[in-house]
Amino acid sequence: MSLIPASISSAITDRAKVLGTLETLAIGAAGGLLFLWLNLPGGLISGAMAAVGIAALAGRPVAMPAILTQSVLVLLGITLGSLVSRQLIQHMSAYPLTIGLLALATFCSTFGSSFYLQRVHGWDQTSALLAGSPGALSQITMLAAEKGADVAAIAVVQTMRVIILTAALPLLLALTGIAPTAPAEIASSVASPLELTVLAAAAVAVALLLRLANFPASWMFGAMIASAVLHGTGLIEGGLPPWMRGVALVGIGAVIGTRFARIKKSTLLSHINAGLGSFAVAILISGIFVTVIVLATPVRFADVVVAFAPGAMDAMLALALTLHIDPIFVGAHHLSRFVFVSITTPGIVHLFGRPQEDVDD
């Protein structure tokens, strides 16, 4: 029997959570500012992710509570929505073609990565299919647990994909010189306190409505829709203060970095080769489709690269914002892939994965 009263034990736990959150934010801010000072592309998000990820692997109690995660997603959505009035009409005619090719690329990437994991690393069919499916990590994890797949291995492969893309994609675009150099046209003026209040209220209201409708990434897309309508109609001219946009980018980076806190080092090391190999296969297949789109459509190469990158929606949209890439084009494609994966993956696993009775034996 514990000698510590329940109220005291709860207070100690709450204090530890608060201190862990503050430490995570401090580490993320330090990493983001360091990368920004080094003038690295995507500095705030990449630096925060790298710093928090290293801290997580070192055993620090890094964590981002749900309320903070939702807050940074709302800030990111508001910022992205302020770009809509200019960006919305760009490449619209190419959307049906590129989204159709994205669905085909996702299908090929899933089966290509799955084939690699089965043949090279000896994975079972169900675990390989779920690990090879790009995006929709929460849905994939729940499905893996339901089907008796190797949840830990799948989490390592999926997390490594997001981490590598978030860290490497900005550097790749910068080194190759294909990222646009013109800054994205975010509202240059800062909204008044009243306008900011209206923006925040509308963003949260739409996000909650989408959440009730089980819309994917509801906090970010709800805020983005509300901001787009208010800015597109001219009801609000100004945007968020620069420091708020910085907080959102650091916050997203910190959220990605905390994923390593849920993975044991021994599990990570045992599956690191599988993660790297399946990532290489997915990138190779996506690269083929990117090449076809660039040759067949007028869409900018950098836009297609980020839109087809098999990473998390929030991370890729944050990168689009920092790398001056069309966030509307990127958002439409990542949302489409999220829906495609969420709808088709259960059917694919049912048809091609291990039968449930084999799992139970």
Protein backbone atom coordinates (compact mmCIF):
# COMPACT_ATOMS: atom_id res chain seq x y z
CA MET A 1 0.00 0.00 0.00
CA SER A 2 1.32 3.40 -0.97
CA LEU A 3 2.26 5.75 1.87
CA ILE A 4 1.76 8.82 -0.36
CA PRO A 5 -1.79 10.25 -0.36
CA ALA A 6 -3.52 10.18 -3.73
CA SER A 7 -3.84 13.99 -3.86
CA ILE A 8 -0.10 14.47 -3.32
CA SER A 9 0.76 11.78 -5.85
CA SER A 10 -1.51 13.46 -8.41
CA ALA A 11 0.06 16.85 -7.73
CA ILE A 12 3.55 15.40 -8.23
CA THR A 13 2.48 13.80 -11.52
CA ASP A 14 0.89 17.04 -12.75
CA ARG A 15 4.01 19.00 -11.81
CA ALA A 16 6.19 16.51 -13.69
CA LYS A 17 4.00 16.86 -16.79
CA VAL A 18 4.20 20.66 -16.64
CA LEU A 19 7.98 20.59 -16.23
CA GLY A 20 8.28 18.08 -19.07
CA THR A 21 6.20 20.31 -21.34
CA LEU A 22 8.21 23.43 -20.45
CA GLU A 23 11.46 21.52 -21.08
CA THR A 24 10.15 20.34 -24.45
CA LEU A 25 9.21 23.88 -25.49
CA ALA A 26 12.57 25.25 -24.33
CA ILE A 27 14.50 22.56 -26.20
CA GLY A 28 12.39 23.03 -29.32
CA ALA A 29 12.80 26.81 -29.26
CA ALA A 30 16.56 26.50 -28.77
CA GLY A 31 16.87 24.05 -31.67
CA GLY A 32 14.68 26.15 -33.95
CA LEU A 33 16.57 29.36 -33.18
CA LEU A 34 19.90 27.59 -33.71
CA PHE A 35 18.87 26.35 -37.15
CA LEU A 36 17.46 29.77 -37.95
CA TRP A 37 20.75 31.41 -36.90
CA LEU A 38 22.64 28.93 -39.09
CA ASN A 39 20.32 30.02 -41.94
CA LEU A 40 19.21 26.44 -42.59
CA PRO A 41 16.05 26.02 -44.71
CA GLY A 42 12.94 25.26 -42.69
CA GLY A 43 15.01 26.22 -39.67
CA LEU A 44 12.34 26.64 -37.02
CA ILE A 45 10.47 23.40 -37.66
CA SER A 46 13.53 21.27 -38.54
CA GLY A 47 15.60 22.62 -35.65
CA ALA A 48 12.83 22.11 -33.10
CA MET A 49 12.20 18.58 -34.37
CA ALA A 50 15.88 17.63 -34.30
CA ALA A 51 16.49 19.05 -30.83
CA VAL A 52 13.40 17.47 -29.24
CA GLY A 53 14.03 14.17 -31.03
CA ILE A 54 17.60 14.01 -29.69
CA ALA A 55 16.36 14.87 -26.20
CA ALA A 56 13.75 12.11 -26.42
CA LEU A 57 16.36 9.53 -27.44
CA ALA A 58 18.54 10.74 -24.57
CA GLY A 59 15.76 9.86 -22.16
CA ARG A 60 14.39 13.30 -21.36
CA PRO A 61 10.65 13.40 -20.49
CA VAL A 62 9.62 15.41 -23.56
CA ALA A 63 5.90 15.77 -24.21
CA MET A 64 3.38 18.06 -25.88
CA PRO A 65 -0.10 18.04 -24.31
CA ALA A 66 -3.08 17.78 -26.63
CA ILE A 67 -4.20 21.36 -25.93
CA LEU A 68 -0.82 22.76 -27.01
CA THR A 69 -0.72 20.57 -30.11
CA GLN A 70 -4.20 21.72 -31.09
CA SER A 71 -3.23 25.35 -30.47
CA VAL A 72 -0.20 25.26 -32.75
CA LEU A 73 -2.25 23.50 -35.44
CA VAL A 74 -4.85 26.29 -35.26
CA LEU A 75 -2.12 28.95 -35.56
CA LEU A 76 -0.64 27.11 -38.54
CA GLY A 77 -4.08 26.84 -40.17
CA ILE A 78 -4.79 30.55 -39.72
CA THR A 79 -1.46 31.44 -41.33
CA LEU A 80 -2.03 29.06 -44.26
CA GLY A 81 -5.54 30.44 -44.76
CA SER A 82 -4.19 33.96 -45.18
CA LEU A 83 -2.45 32.79 -48.37
CA VAL A 84 -5.56 31.46 -50.05
CA SER A 85 -6.71 34.58 -51.86
CA ARG A 86 -3.58 34.53 -54.02
CA GLN A 87 -2.74 30.85 -54.10
CA LEU A 88 -6.12 29.25 -54.66
CA ILE A 89 -6.31 29.70 -58.41
CA GLN A 90 -2.75 28.54 -59.06
CA HIS A 91 -2.52 25.14 -60.75
CA MET A 92 -6.22 24.45 -60.14
CA SER A 93 -6.60 22.93 -63.59
CA ALA A 94 -3.87 20.42 -62.79
CA TYR A 95 -5.41 19.21 -59.50
CA PRO A 96 -7.56 16.32 -60.85
CA LEU A 97 -4.64 14.86 -62.79
CA THR A 98 -2.06 15.22 -60.04
CA ILE A 99 -4.40 13.95 -57.30
CA GLY A 100 -5.23 10.92 -59.46
CA LEU A 101 -1.53 10.22 -59.96
CA LEU A 102 -0.97 10.70 -56.22
CA ALA A 103 -3.50 7.95 -55.48
CA LEU A 104 -1.70 5.65 -57.90
CA ALA A 105 1.69 6.61 -56.40
CA THR A 106 0.39 5.87 -52.90
CA PHE A 107 -0.85 2.44 -54.02
CA CYS A 108 2.47 1.60 -55.70
CA SER A 109 4.52 2.95 -52.81
CA THR A 110 2.57 0.90 -50.26
CA PHE A 111 3.03 -2.36 -52.15
CA GLY A 112 6.64 -1.57 -53.10
CA SER A 113 7.64 -0.88 -49.49
CA SER A 114 5.65 -3.90 -48.31
CA PHE A 115 7.40 -6.18 -50.81
CA TYR A 116 10.79 -4.89 -49.64
CA LEU A 117 9.99 -5.41 -45.94
CA GLN A 118 8.76 -8.96 -46.58
CA ARG A 119 11.56 -10.10 -48.86
CA VAL A 120 14.54 -8.35 -47.26
CA HIS A 121 13.56 -8.20 -43.58
CA GLY A 122 11.17 -11.12 -43.31
CA TRP A 123 8.16 -9.13 -42.10
CA ASP A 124 4.68 -10.65 -42.21
CA GLN A 125 2.29 -9.33 -44.86
CA THR A 126 0.02 -7.36 -42.55
CA SER A 127 2.81 -5.52 -40.72
CA ALA A 128 4.61 -4.81 -44.00
CA LEU A 129 1.50 -3.39 -45.67
CA LEU A 130 0.70 -1.13 -42.71
CA ALA A 131 4.30 0.08 -42.39
CA GLY A 132 4.45 0.82 -46.11
CA SER A 133 1.24 2.87 -46.09
CA PRO A 134 2.25 6.58 -46.14
CA GLY A 135 0.47 8.95 -43.78
CA ALA A 136 -2.56 8.53 -41.47
CA LEU A 137 -0.31 7.26 -38.66
CA SER A 138 -2.99 7.20 -35.97
CA GLN A 139 -5.37 5.17 -38.15
CA ILE A 140 -2.55 2.81 -39.18
CA THR A 141 -1.55 2.23 -35.54
CA MET A 142 -5.11 1.41 -34.47
CA LEU A 143 -5.55 -0.96 -37.40
CA ALA A 144 -2.21 -2.63 -36.59
CA ALA A 145 -3.31 -3.30 -33.00
CA GLU A 146 -6.66 -4.63 -34.20
CA LYS A 147 -5.04 -7.00 -36.72
CA GLY A 148 -2.35 -8.22 -34.32
CA ALA A 149 0.48 -6.72 -36.39
CA ASP A 150 3.85 -5.59 -35.02
CA VAL A 151 2.81 -2.14 -33.76
CA ALA A 152 6.27 -1.18 -32.47
CA ALA A 153 8.01 -2.00 -35.76
CA ILE A 154 5.36 -0.16 -37.77
CA ALA A 155 5.69 2.89 -35.52
CA VAL A 156 9.48 2.95 -36.04
CA VAL A 157 9.19 2.79 -39.84
CA GLN A 158 6.41 5.40 -39.99
CA THR A 159 8.15 7.76 -37.55
CA MET A 160 11.51 7.51 -39.33
CA ARG A 161 9.82 8.42 -42.61
CA VAL A 162 8.38 11.63 -41.14
CA ILE A 163 11.59 12.57 -39.31
CA ILE A 164 13.81 12.04 -42.35
CA LEU A 165 11.52 14.00 -44.65
CA THR A 166 11.13 16.92 -42.25
CA ALA A 167 14.89 17.15 -41.75
CA ALA A 168 16.14 16.31 -45.24
CA LEU A 169 13.57 17.81 -47.60
CA PRO A 170 14.41 21.47 -46.87
CA LEU A 171 18.12 20.76 -47.28
CA LEU A 172 17.53 18.88 -50.53
CA LEU A 173 15.46 21.68 -52.04
CA ALA A 174 18.00 24.28 -50.94
CA LEU A 175 21.07 22.40 -52.15
CA THR A 176 19.52 21.65 -55.52
CA GLY A 177 18.31 25.24 -55.85
CA ILE A 178 14.77 24.21 -56.83
CA ALA A 179 12.94 25.77 -53.90
CA PRO A 180 11.33 29.13 -54.74
CA THR A 181 13.25 32.10 -53.47
CA ALA A 182 10.34 34.57 -53.38
CA PRO A 183 8.72 34.71 -49.97
CA ALA A 184 5.13 33.55 -49.61
CA GLU A 185 2.71 36.47 -49.57
CA ILE A 186 1.50 36.22 -46.00
CA ALA A 187 -0.51 39.22 -44.88
CA SER A 188 2.14 41.88 -44.34
CA SER A 189 0.17 43.83 -41.75
CA VAL A 190 -0.71 42.47 -38.34
CA ALA A 191 -4.42 42.16 -37.59
CA SER A 192 -5.88 44.33 -34.86
CA PRO A 193 -6.71 42.75 -31.49
CA LEU A 194 -10.38 42.61 -32.51
CA GLU A 195 -9.54 40.98 -35.85
CA LEU A 196 -7.26 38.47 -34.13
CA THR A 197 -10.08 37.63 -31.74
CA VAL A 198 -12.49 37.11 -34.65
CA LEU A 199 -9.89 34.99 -36.48
CA ALA A 200 -9.27 32.79 -33.44
CA ALA A 201 -12.99 32.37 -32.67
CA ALA A 202 -13.86 31.50 -36.27
CA ALA A 203 -10.90 29.13 -36.56
CA VAL A 204 -11.82 27.21 -33.40
CA ALA A 205 -15.52 27.12 -34.32
CA VAL A 206 -14.92 25.66 -37.80
CA ALA A 207 -12.32 23.25 -36.43
CA LEU A 208 -14.81 21.95 -33.85
CA LEU A 209 -17.45 21.48 -36.54
CA LEU A 210 -15.01 19.49 -38.68
CA ARG A 211 -13.99 17.49 -35.63
CA LEU A 212 -17.63 16.55 -35.00
CA ALA A 213 -17.80 15.40 -38.62
CA ASN A 214 -14.64 13.28 -38.12
CA PHE A 215 -12.82 15.34 -40.75
CA PRO A 216 -9.08 14.51 -40.89
CA ALA A 217 -6.67 17.04 -39.37
CA SER A 218 -9.71 19.06 -38.27
CA TRP A 219 -7.83 21.60 -36.12
CA MET A 220 -5.49 22.66 -38.89
CA PHE A 221 -7.94 22.51 -41.80
CA GLY A 222 -10.78 24.09 -39.83
CA ALA A 223 -8.60 27.08 -38.95
CA MET A 224 -7.33 27.21 -42.52
CA ILE A 225 -10.87 27.30 -43.96
CA ALA A 226 -12.04 30.00 -41.53
CA SER A 227 -8.98 32.14 -42.19
CA ALA A 228 -9.29 31.65 -45.95
CA VAL A 229 -12.90 32.82 -45.97
CA LEU A 230 -12.21 35.87 -43.78
CA HIS A 231 -9.14 36.91 -45.76
CA GLY A 232 -10.51 35.96 -49.18
CA THR A 233 -13.65 38.06 -48.68
CA GLY A 234 -11.65 41.00 -47.39
CA LEU A 235 -13.32 41.00 -43.98
CA ILE A 236 -9.88 40.76 -42.41
CA GLU A 237 -6.76 42.21 -43.99
CA GLY A 238 -4.02 41.59 -41.45
CA GLY A 239 -2.49 38.32 -40.30
CA LEU A 240 -0.87 36.85 -37.23
CA PRO A 241 2.15 38.58 -35.69
CA PRO A 242 5.43 37.00 -36.89
CA TRP A 243 6.18 35.65 -33.42
CA MET A 244 2.93 33.66 -33.45
CA ARG A 245 3.86 32.07 -36.76
CA GLY A 246 7.22 31.22 -35.27
CA VAL A 247 5.56 29.61 -32.25
CA ALA A 248 3.42 27.48 -34.56
CA LEU A 249 6.42 26.22 -36.54
CA VAL A 250 8.46 25.46 -33.42
CA GLY A 251 5.43 23.74 -31.90
CA ILE A 252 4.91 21.49 -34.93
CA GLY A 253 8.59 20.57 -34.91
CA ALA A 254 8.43 19.75 -31.19
CA VAL A 255 5.34 17.57 -31.71
CA ILE A 256 7.16 15.54 -34.37
CA GLY A 257 10.25 15.23 -32.19
CA THR A 258 8.26 13.82 -29.26
CA ARG A 259 7.36 10.78 -31.35
CA PHE A 260 10.73 9.31 -30.43
CA ALA A 261 9.73 9.43 -26.75
CA ARG A 262 7.21 6.65 -27.43
CA ILE A 263 9.81 4.35 -28.98
CA LYS A 264 12.37 2.39 -26.98
CA LYS A 265 15.96 2.73 -28.19
CA SER A 266 16.29 -1.05 -28.52
CA THR A 267 13.17 -1.15 -30.71
CA LEU A 268 14.45 1.73 -32.82
CA LEU A 269 17.85 0.12 -33.36
CA SER A 270 16.36 -3.26 -34.23
CA HIS A 271 14.20 -1.77 -37.00
CA ILE A 272 16.34 1.11 -38.25
CA ASN A 273 17.52 -0.75 -41.37
CA ALA A 274 13.94 -1.67 -42.25
CA GLY A 275 12.91 1.96 -41.81
CA LEU A 276 15.70 3.31 -43.99
CA GLY A 277 15.22 0.70 -46.70
CA SER A 278 11.46 1.06 -46.96
CA PHE A 279 11.86 4.85 -46.99
CA ALA A 280 14.28 4.58 -49.93
CA VAL A 281 11.81 2.40 -51.85
CA ALA A 282 8.93 4.83 -51.18
CA ILE A 283 11.01 7.83 -52.27
CA LEU A 284 12.14 6.08 -55.45
CA ILE A 285 8.56 5.26 -56.44
CA SER A 286 7.31 8.75 -55.55
CA GLY A 287 10.21 10.22 -57.54
CA ILE A 288 9.03 8.45 -60.69
CA PHE A 289 5.56 9.97 -60.38
CA VAL A 290 7.00 13.42 -59.58
CA THR A 291 9.08 13.24 -62.76
CA VAL A 292 6.02 12.35 -64.85
CA ILE A 293 4.00 15.26 -63.39
CA VAL A 294 6.78 17.79 -63.90
CA LEU A 295 7.16 16.74 -67.54
CA ALA A 296 3.41 16.63 -68.23
CA THR A 297 2.08 19.67 -66.32
CA PRO A 298 3.12 23.29 -65.63
CA VAL A 299 3.21 22.71 -61.85
CA ARG A 300 6.45 23.80 -60.18
CA PHE A 301 8.87 21.01 -59.29
CA ALA A 302 9.22 22.10 -55.65
CA ASP A 303 5.43 22.12 -55.20
CA VAL A 304 5.12 18.57 -56.54
CA VAL A 305 8.01 17.28 -54.42
CA VAL A 306 6.47 18.46 -51.14
CA ALA A 307 2.94 17.46 -52.22
CA PHE A 308 4.07 13.90 -53.01
CA ALA A 309 6.45 13.52 -50.06
CA PRO A 310 5.10 10.62 -47.92
CA GLY A 311 5.18 12.58 -44.66
CA ALA A 312 2.69 13.86 -42.10
CA MET A 313 0.22 16.51 -43.28
CA ASP A 314 1.02 19.04 -40.57
CA ALA A 315 4.78 18.73 -41.10
CA MET A 316 4.58 19.01 -44.88
CA LEU A 317 2.25 22.03 -44.74
CA ALA A 318 4.54 23.72 -42.23
CA LEU A 319 7.47 23.09 -44.57
CA ALA A 320 5.48 24.46 -47.50
CA LEU A 321 4.97 27.65 -45.51
CA THR A 322 8.63 28.05 -44.55
CA LEU A 323 10.00 27.04 -47.97
CA HIS A 324 7.72 29.48 -49.88
CA ILE A 325 5.89 26.60 -51.59
CA ASP A 326 2.19 26.72 -52.55
CA PRO A 327 0.51 25.45 -49.34
CA ILE A 328 -2.91 25.12 -50.97
CA PHE A 329 -1.59 22.73 -53.62
CA VAL A 330 0.33 20.79 -50.97
CA GLY A 331 -2.62 20.73 -48.57
CA ALA A 332 -5.08 19.49 -51.20
CA HIS A 333 -2.81 16.59 -52.08
CA HIS A 334 -1.91 15.55 -48.56
CA LEU A 335 -5.57 15.67 -47.54
CA SER A 336 -6.45 13.55 -50.59
CA ARG A 337 -3.80 10.99 -49.70
CA PHE A 338 -4.95 10.91 -46.06
CA VAL A 339 -8.51 10.14 -47.18
CA PHE A 340 -7.29 7.58 -49.73
CA VAL A 341 -5.13 5.77 -47.18
CA SER A 342 -7.82 5.86 -44.47
CA ILE A 343 -10.44 4.40 -46.83
CA THR A 344 -8.40 1.83 -48.75
CA THR A 345 -5.89 0.50 -46.20
CA PRO A 346 -8.38 -1.63 -44.21
CA GLY A 347 -9.54 -3.25 -47.46
CA ILE A 348 -5.97 -3.82 -48.68
CA VAL A 349 -4.98 -5.42 -45.38
CA HIS A 350 -8.11 -7.61 -45.45
CA LEU A 351 -7.36 -8.81 -48.98
CA PHE A 352 -3.58 -9.14 -48.85
CA GLY A 353 -2.66 -9.34 -45.14
CA ARG A 354 -2.62 -12.34 -42.84
CA PRO A 355 -6.02 -13.72 -41.88
CA GLN A 356 -6.91 -12.92 -38.26
CA GLU A 357 -6.92 -16.61 -37.29
CA ASP A 358 -3.24 -16.86 -38.35
CA VAL A 359 -2.43 -13.97 -36.02
CA ASP A 360 -4.18 -15.63 -33.10
CA ASP A 361 -2.46 -19.01 -33.53
